[in-house]
N, C-alpha and C. Protein backbone atom coordinates (compact mmCIF):
# COMPACT_ATOMS: atom_id res chain seq x y z
N MET A 1 92.76 94.79 10.85
CA MET A 1 93.44 93.85 11.69
C MET A 1 93.56 94.38 13.12
N TYR A 2 93.82 95.68 13.29
CA TYR A 2 94.00 96.26 14.62
C TYR A 2 92.76 96.98 15.11
N ASP A 3 91.68 96.86 14.36
CA ASP A 3 90.48 97.64 14.66
C ASP A 3 90.02 97.54 16.11
N THR A 4 89.95 96.34 16.66
CA THR A 4 89.43 96.18 18.01
C THR A 4 90.38 96.69 19.08
N HIS A 5 91.60 97.00 18.71
CA HIS A 5 92.60 97.41 19.70
C HIS A 5 92.90 98.91 19.71
N ILE A 6 92.36 99.67 18.75
CA ILE A 6 92.75 101.08 18.64
C ILE A 6 92.09 101.98 19.68
N LEU A 7 91.04 101.51 20.30
CA LEU A 7 90.33 102.30 21.31
C LEU A 7 90.47 101.56 22.63
N THR A 8 91.00 102.26 23.63
CA THR A 8 91.28 101.60 24.90
C THR A 8 90.49 102.23 26.04
N ASP A 9 90.10 101.39 26.99
CA ASP A 9 89.37 101.83 28.18
C ASP A 9 90.28 102.62 29.13
N GLU A 10 91.58 102.43 28.98
CA GLU A 10 92.55 103.05 29.88
C GLU A 10 92.56 104.58 29.72
N GLY A 11 92.39 105.29 30.82
CA GLY A 11 92.53 106.74 30.81
C GLY A 11 91.29 107.51 30.39
N CYS A 12 90.14 106.85 30.27
CA CYS A 12 88.90 107.55 29.93
C CYS A 12 88.44 108.31 31.16
N ARG A 13 88.35 109.63 31.04
CA ARG A 13 87.97 110.43 32.20
C ARG A 13 87.66 111.86 31.78
N SER A 14 87.02 112.57 32.68
CA SER A 14 86.82 114.00 32.49
C SER A 14 88.14 114.72 32.68
N VAL A 15 88.26 115.86 32.04
CA VAL A 15 89.45 116.71 32.17
C VAL A 15 89.04 117.93 32.97
N TRP A 16 89.84 118.25 33.98
CA TRP A 16 89.54 119.34 34.89
C TRP A 16 90.56 120.48 34.75
N GLU A 17 90.07 121.70 34.83
CA GLU A 17 90.94 122.89 34.88
C GLU A 17 90.34 123.86 35.89
N ASN A 18 91.15 124.31 36.82
CA ASN A 18 90.71 125.28 37.84
C ASN A 18 89.44 124.82 38.55
N GLY A 19 89.36 123.54 38.86
CA GLY A 19 88.23 123.01 39.61
C GLY A 19 86.96 122.79 38.81
N ARG A 20 87.05 122.94 37.49
CA ARG A 20 85.86 122.76 36.65
C ARG A 20 86.13 121.73 35.57
N ARG A 21 85.11 120.93 35.25
CA ARG A 21 85.24 119.99 34.14
C ARG A 21 85.13 120.75 32.83
N VAL A 22 86.15 120.58 31.99
CA VAL A 22 86.19 121.32 30.73
C VAL A 22 86.19 120.39 29.51
N GLY A 23 86.16 119.10 29.76
CA GLY A 23 86.18 118.15 28.65
C GLY A 23 86.38 116.74 29.15
N TYR A 24 86.74 115.86 28.23
CA TYR A 24 87.01 114.46 28.58
C TYR A 24 88.07 113.93 27.63
N ALA A 25 88.64 112.78 28.00
CA ALA A 25 89.75 112.23 27.22
C ALA A 25 89.56 110.73 26.99
N VAL A 26 90.05 110.29 25.82
CA VAL A 26 90.16 108.87 25.49
C VAL A 26 91.56 108.63 24.95
N ASN A 27 92.02 107.40 25.04
CA ASN A 27 93.34 107.04 24.53
C ASN A 27 93.21 106.10 23.34
N LEU A 28 94.04 106.34 22.33
CA LEU A 28 94.05 105.52 21.12
C LEU A 28 95.40 104.84 20.98
N THR A 29 95.40 103.72 20.29
CA THR A 29 96.65 103.11 19.85
C THR A 29 96.62 103.08 18.33
N ILE A 30 97.78 102.97 17.74
CA ILE A 30 97.91 103.07 16.29
C ILE A 30 97.33 101.82 15.60
N ASN A 31 96.84 102.00 14.39
CA ASN A 31 96.22 100.90 13.63
C ASN A 31 97.20 100.29 12.62
N TYR A 32 98.44 100.18 13.03
CA TYR A 32 99.48 99.68 12.14
C TYR A 32 100.52 98.98 13.00
N TYR A 33 101.24 98.05 12.45
CA TYR A 33 102.21 97.29 13.24
C TYR A 33 103.51 98.03 13.46
N ARG A 34 103.66 99.18 12.85
CA ARG A 34 104.82 100.04 13.06
C ARG A 34 104.33 101.41 13.48
N GLY A 35 105.25 102.23 13.94
CA GLY A 35 104.90 103.59 14.26
C GLY A 35 104.86 104.45 13.00
N LEU A 36 104.28 105.64 13.16
CA LEU A 36 104.18 106.60 12.06
C LEU A 36 104.29 108.02 12.61
N PRO A 37 104.76 108.96 11.81
CA PRO A 37 104.70 110.35 12.23
C PRO A 37 103.24 110.77 12.41
N LEU A 38 102.98 111.67 13.34
CA LEU A 38 101.61 112.16 13.51
C LEU A 38 101.09 112.81 12.23
N SER A 39 101.99 113.30 11.40
CA SER A 39 101.58 113.91 10.14
C SER A 39 100.97 112.89 9.17
N CYS A 40 101.11 111.59 9.47
CA CYS A 40 100.51 110.54 8.63
C CYS A 40 99.12 110.16 9.10
N VAL A 41 98.62 110.82 10.12
CA VAL A 41 97.23 110.59 10.54
C VAL A 41 96.34 111.45 9.65
N ASP A 42 95.47 110.79 8.90
CA ASP A 42 94.56 111.50 8.00
C ASP A 42 93.19 111.76 8.62
N GLU A 43 92.82 110.95 9.60
CA GLU A 43 91.47 111.09 10.15
C GLU A 43 91.40 110.53 11.56
N ILE A 44 90.80 111.31 12.44
CA ILE A 44 90.34 110.82 13.74
C ILE A 44 88.92 111.36 13.88
N THR A 45 87.97 110.45 13.91
CA THR A 45 86.57 110.82 14.06
C THR A 45 86.03 110.11 15.29
N LEU A 46 85.40 110.86 16.17
CA LEU A 46 84.80 110.30 17.37
C LEU A 46 83.31 110.59 17.39
N VAL A 47 82.55 109.59 17.80
CA VAL A 47 81.12 109.74 18.07
C VAL A 47 80.90 109.16 19.46
N VAL A 48 80.41 109.98 20.38
CA VAL A 48 80.23 109.55 21.77
C VAL A 48 78.75 109.62 22.10
N ASP A 49 78.20 108.47 22.47
CA ASP A 49 76.77 108.36 22.78
C ASP A 49 75.91 108.91 21.64
N GLY A 50 76.32 108.62 20.40
CA GLY A 50 75.57 109.04 19.23
C GLY A 50 75.81 110.47 18.79
N GLU A 51 76.62 111.22 19.53
CA GLU A 51 76.89 112.63 19.22
C GLU A 51 78.27 112.77 18.60
N PRO A 52 78.34 113.22 17.33
CA PRO A 52 79.66 113.41 16.71
C PRO A 52 80.44 114.52 17.41
N VAL A 53 81.74 114.30 17.55
CA VAL A 53 82.62 115.30 18.16
C VAL A 53 83.16 116.18 17.03
N ALA A 54 83.06 117.48 17.19
CA ALA A 54 83.56 118.42 16.18
C ALA A 54 85.08 118.37 16.15
N PRO A 55 85.70 118.32 14.97
CA PRO A 55 87.16 118.26 14.87
C PRO A 55 87.86 119.41 15.59
N GLU A 56 87.27 120.58 15.58
CA GLU A 56 87.90 121.72 16.24
C GLU A 56 87.86 121.62 17.77
N ASP A 57 87.09 120.68 18.30
CA ASP A 57 87.02 120.48 19.75
C ASP A 57 88.01 119.43 20.24
N MET A 58 88.80 118.84 19.34
CA MET A 58 89.75 117.80 19.73
C MET A 58 91.17 118.33 19.81
N VAL A 59 91.86 117.91 20.85
CA VAL A 59 93.27 118.24 21.06
C VAL A 59 94.00 116.92 21.29
N LEU A 60 95.14 116.74 20.63
CA LEU A 60 95.92 115.52 20.78
C LEU A 60 97.07 115.79 21.73
N GLN A 61 97.29 114.85 22.65
CA GLN A 61 98.40 114.95 23.58
C GLN A 61 99.30 113.75 23.36
N HIS A 62 100.59 114.06 23.16
CA HIS A 62 101.54 112.99 22.85
C HIS A 62 102.90 113.41 23.36
N ARG A 63 103.49 112.58 24.21
CA ARG A 63 104.83 112.83 24.76
C ARG A 63 105.00 114.25 25.30
N ASP A 64 104.13 114.63 26.18
CA ASP A 64 104.18 115.94 26.84
C ASP A 64 104.02 117.12 25.89
N ARG A 65 103.48 116.86 24.71
CA ARG A 65 103.17 117.95 23.78
C ARG A 65 101.68 117.90 23.47
N GLU A 66 101.17 119.03 23.03
CA GLU A 66 99.75 119.13 22.74
C GLU A 66 99.55 119.80 21.38
N TYR A 67 98.65 119.24 20.58
CA TYR A 67 98.40 119.75 19.23
C TYR A 67 96.90 119.81 18.98
N PRO A 68 96.41 120.92 18.47
CA PRO A 68 95.02 120.91 18.01
C PRO A 68 94.90 119.86 16.90
N TYR A 69 93.85 119.06 16.92
CA TYR A 69 93.70 118.00 15.93
C TYR A 69 93.82 118.54 14.51
N LEU A 70 93.19 119.65 14.22
CA LEU A 70 93.23 120.19 12.86
C LEU A 70 94.64 120.57 12.43
N ALA A 71 95.54 120.85 13.37
CA ALA A 71 96.92 121.23 13.02
C ALA A 71 97.67 120.07 12.38
N ILE A 72 97.42 118.84 12.84
CA ILE A 72 98.18 117.71 12.28
C ILE A 72 97.75 117.38 10.86
N LEU A 73 96.61 117.92 10.43
CA LEU A 73 96.12 117.67 9.07
C LEU A 73 96.72 118.64 8.06
N GLN A 74 97.43 119.64 8.53
CA GLN A 74 98.02 120.65 7.65
C GLN A 74 99.27 120.10 6.96
N ASP A 75 99.49 120.50 5.73
CA ASP A 75 100.65 120.04 4.97
C ASP A 75 101.98 120.43 5.61
N ASP A 76 102.00 121.51 6.38
CA ASP A 76 103.26 121.97 6.96
C ASP A 76 103.48 121.46 8.40
N PHE A 77 102.66 120.50 8.86
CA PHE A 77 102.88 119.95 10.21
C PHE A 77 104.19 119.18 10.20
N PRO A 78 105.04 119.39 11.21
CA PRO A 78 106.35 118.71 11.24
C PRO A 78 106.22 117.19 11.22
N THR A 79 107.19 116.56 10.59
CA THR A 79 107.16 115.10 10.45
C THR A 79 107.98 114.38 11.53
N ASP A 80 108.53 115.12 12.47
CA ASP A 80 109.40 114.49 13.47
C ASP A 80 108.68 114.10 14.76
N PHE A 81 107.36 114.23 14.81
CA PHE A 81 106.58 113.81 15.97
C PHE A 81 106.05 112.42 15.68
N TYR A 82 106.67 111.42 16.27
CA TYR A 82 106.45 110.03 15.91
C TYR A 82 105.54 109.32 16.92
N TRP A 83 104.52 108.63 16.43
CA TRP A 83 103.60 107.84 17.25
C TRP A 83 104.00 106.38 17.10
N ARG A 84 104.61 105.82 18.12
CA ARG A 84 105.13 104.45 18.05
C ARG A 84 104.05 103.42 18.34
N PHE A 85 104.24 102.24 17.78
CA PHE A 85 103.35 101.12 18.06
C PHE A 85 103.36 100.86 19.57
N GLY A 86 102.19 100.71 20.14
CA GLY A 86 102.06 100.45 21.58
C GLY A 86 101.89 101.71 22.42
N GLU A 87 102.24 102.88 21.89
CA GLU A 87 102.05 104.13 22.62
C GLU A 87 100.60 104.57 22.56
N LYS A 88 100.19 105.27 23.60
CA LYS A 88 98.85 105.84 23.63
C LYS A 88 98.90 107.27 23.09
N LEU A 89 97.95 107.59 22.26
CA LEU A 89 97.72 108.96 21.81
C LEU A 89 96.45 109.41 22.52
N ARG A 90 96.58 110.45 23.32
CA ARG A 90 95.43 110.91 24.11
C ARG A 90 94.67 111.96 23.30
N VAL A 91 93.38 111.76 23.18
CA VAL A 91 92.51 112.73 22.51
C VAL A 91 91.65 113.39 23.59
N VAL A 92 91.83 114.69 23.74
CA VAL A 92 91.03 115.46 24.70
C VAL A 92 89.95 116.19 23.91
N VAL A 93 88.72 115.99 24.34
CA VAL A 93 87.58 116.65 23.72
C VAL A 93 87.16 117.79 24.61
N LYS A 94 87.19 119.01 24.07
CA LYS A 94 86.77 120.19 24.83
C LYS A 94 85.24 120.21 24.87
N LYS A 95 84.71 120.05 26.08
CA LYS A 95 83.26 120.06 26.25
C LYS A 95 82.96 120.54 27.66
N PRO A 96 82.38 121.73 27.79
CA PRO A 96 82.06 122.23 29.13
C PRO A 96 81.22 121.20 29.89
N GLY A 97 81.62 120.93 31.12
CA GLY A 97 80.93 119.94 31.93
C GLY A 97 81.48 118.54 31.79
N GLY A 98 82.39 118.34 30.83
CA GLY A 98 83.02 117.03 30.65
C GLY A 98 82.03 115.96 30.25
N ILE A 99 82.18 114.80 30.85
CA ILE A 99 81.30 113.66 30.57
C ILE A 99 80.96 113.02 31.92
N PRO A 100 79.72 112.62 32.12
CA PRO A 100 79.38 111.98 33.39
C PRO A 100 80.16 110.69 33.60
N GLN A 101 80.48 110.38 34.85
CA GLN A 101 81.12 109.11 35.15
C GLN A 101 80.21 107.98 34.71
N GLY A 102 80.83 106.89 34.31
CA GLY A 102 80.04 105.73 33.93
C GLY A 102 80.36 105.25 32.54
N ARG A 103 79.46 104.44 32.00
CA ARG A 103 79.70 103.80 30.71
C ARG A 103 79.10 104.63 29.58
N HIS A 104 79.88 104.77 28.51
CA HIS A 104 79.46 105.54 27.33
C HIS A 104 79.88 104.79 26.08
N HIS A 105 79.03 104.86 25.06
CA HIS A 105 79.33 104.21 23.79
C HIS A 105 80.20 105.15 22.95
N VAL A 106 81.36 104.66 22.52
CA VAL A 106 82.30 105.47 21.75
C VAL A 106 82.59 104.76 20.43
N LYS A 107 82.50 105.51 19.34
CA LYS A 107 82.87 104.99 18.02
C LYS A 107 84.04 105.84 17.52
N LEU A 108 85.10 105.16 17.11
CA LEU A 108 86.31 105.81 16.62
C LEU A 108 86.59 105.36 15.20
N THR A 109 86.92 106.30 14.35
CA THR A 109 87.46 106.00 13.02
C THR A 109 88.84 106.63 12.96
N LEU A 110 89.84 105.80 12.63
CA LEU A 110 91.22 106.25 12.57
C LEU A 110 91.78 105.91 11.20
N GLY A 111 92.20 106.93 10.46
CA GLY A 111 92.81 106.74 9.15
C GLY A 111 94.26 107.16 9.18
N THR A 112 95.15 106.26 8.73
CA THR A 112 96.57 106.58 8.66
C THR A 112 97.09 106.20 7.28
N ARG A 113 98.12 106.93 6.82
CA ARG A 113 98.71 106.60 5.53
C ARG A 113 100.16 106.19 5.72
N ARG A 114 100.59 105.26 4.87
CA ARG A 114 101.94 104.74 4.92
C ARG A 114 102.53 104.78 3.52
N SER A 115 103.81 104.71 3.44
CA SER A 115 104.47 104.73 2.14
C SER A 115 103.98 103.60 1.26
N TYR A 116 103.71 103.92 0.03
CA TYR A 116 103.39 102.94 -1.02
C TYR A 116 102.09 102.18 -0.82
N THR A 117 101.27 102.59 0.13
CA THR A 117 100.00 101.91 0.33
C THR A 117 98.90 102.95 0.53
N PRO A 118 97.67 102.58 0.24
CA PRO A 118 96.58 103.53 0.46
C PRO A 118 96.34 103.76 1.95
N THR A 119 95.58 104.79 2.24
CA THR A 119 95.23 105.08 3.62
C THR A 119 94.50 103.89 4.22
N MET A 120 94.92 103.50 5.41
CA MET A 120 94.27 102.41 6.12
C MET A 120 93.30 103.02 7.13
N VAL A 121 92.03 102.63 7.02
CA VAL A 121 91.00 103.16 7.90
C VAL A 121 90.53 102.03 8.82
N ALA A 122 90.59 102.28 10.11
CA ALA A 122 90.13 101.32 11.11
C ALA A 122 88.99 101.95 11.89
N THR A 123 87.98 101.17 12.19
CA THR A 123 86.84 101.63 12.96
C THR A 123 86.65 100.71 14.16
N CYS A 124 86.38 101.31 15.30
CA CYS A 124 86.18 100.53 16.51
C CYS A 124 85.03 101.16 17.29
N GLU A 125 84.13 100.32 17.77
CA GLU A 125 83.04 100.77 18.65
C GLU A 125 83.11 99.97 19.92
N LYS A 126 83.09 100.70 21.05
CA LYS A 126 83.14 100.04 22.35
C LYS A 126 82.33 100.86 23.35
N THR A 127 81.90 100.18 24.38
CA THR A 127 81.35 100.87 25.53
C THR A 127 82.48 101.00 26.54
N LEU A 128 82.86 102.23 26.82
CA LEU A 128 83.99 102.52 27.70
C LEU A 128 83.50 103.08 29.03
N THR A 129 84.25 102.84 30.07
CA THR A 129 83.92 103.36 31.40
C THR A 129 84.76 104.59 31.67
N PHE A 130 84.09 105.71 31.89
CA PHE A 130 84.76 106.98 32.16
C PHE A 130 84.77 107.23 33.67
N ALA A 131 85.92 107.61 34.18
CA ALA A 131 86.07 107.90 35.61
C ALA A 131 85.66 109.33 35.88
């Protein structure tokens, strides 16, 4: 139901550190009509221009905090970090040189679990414009 809305053009850009491009970022919205703890995210898979992004290269930024993607998949990840409906979850992909400005094809798979229901998997493919 929310598949076409989970990947947003807003905030797509290269990430810079010390004057060098070190990666790029995309923003996601949740695939559920309510919010969920980040610990309920079972899967974030990105494919950019046909190239799969390695899970260890992804960092999630949420409410001025930063988490390696693989950390949220651990059983001991805290449950008090809440991703509300309508909020953006920023995914930073570590990639030397970032991504060239312009349009890129992005495929996202987002899996979340909720009480009493199976994991809901949403997939969205869009051509996004990166600044």
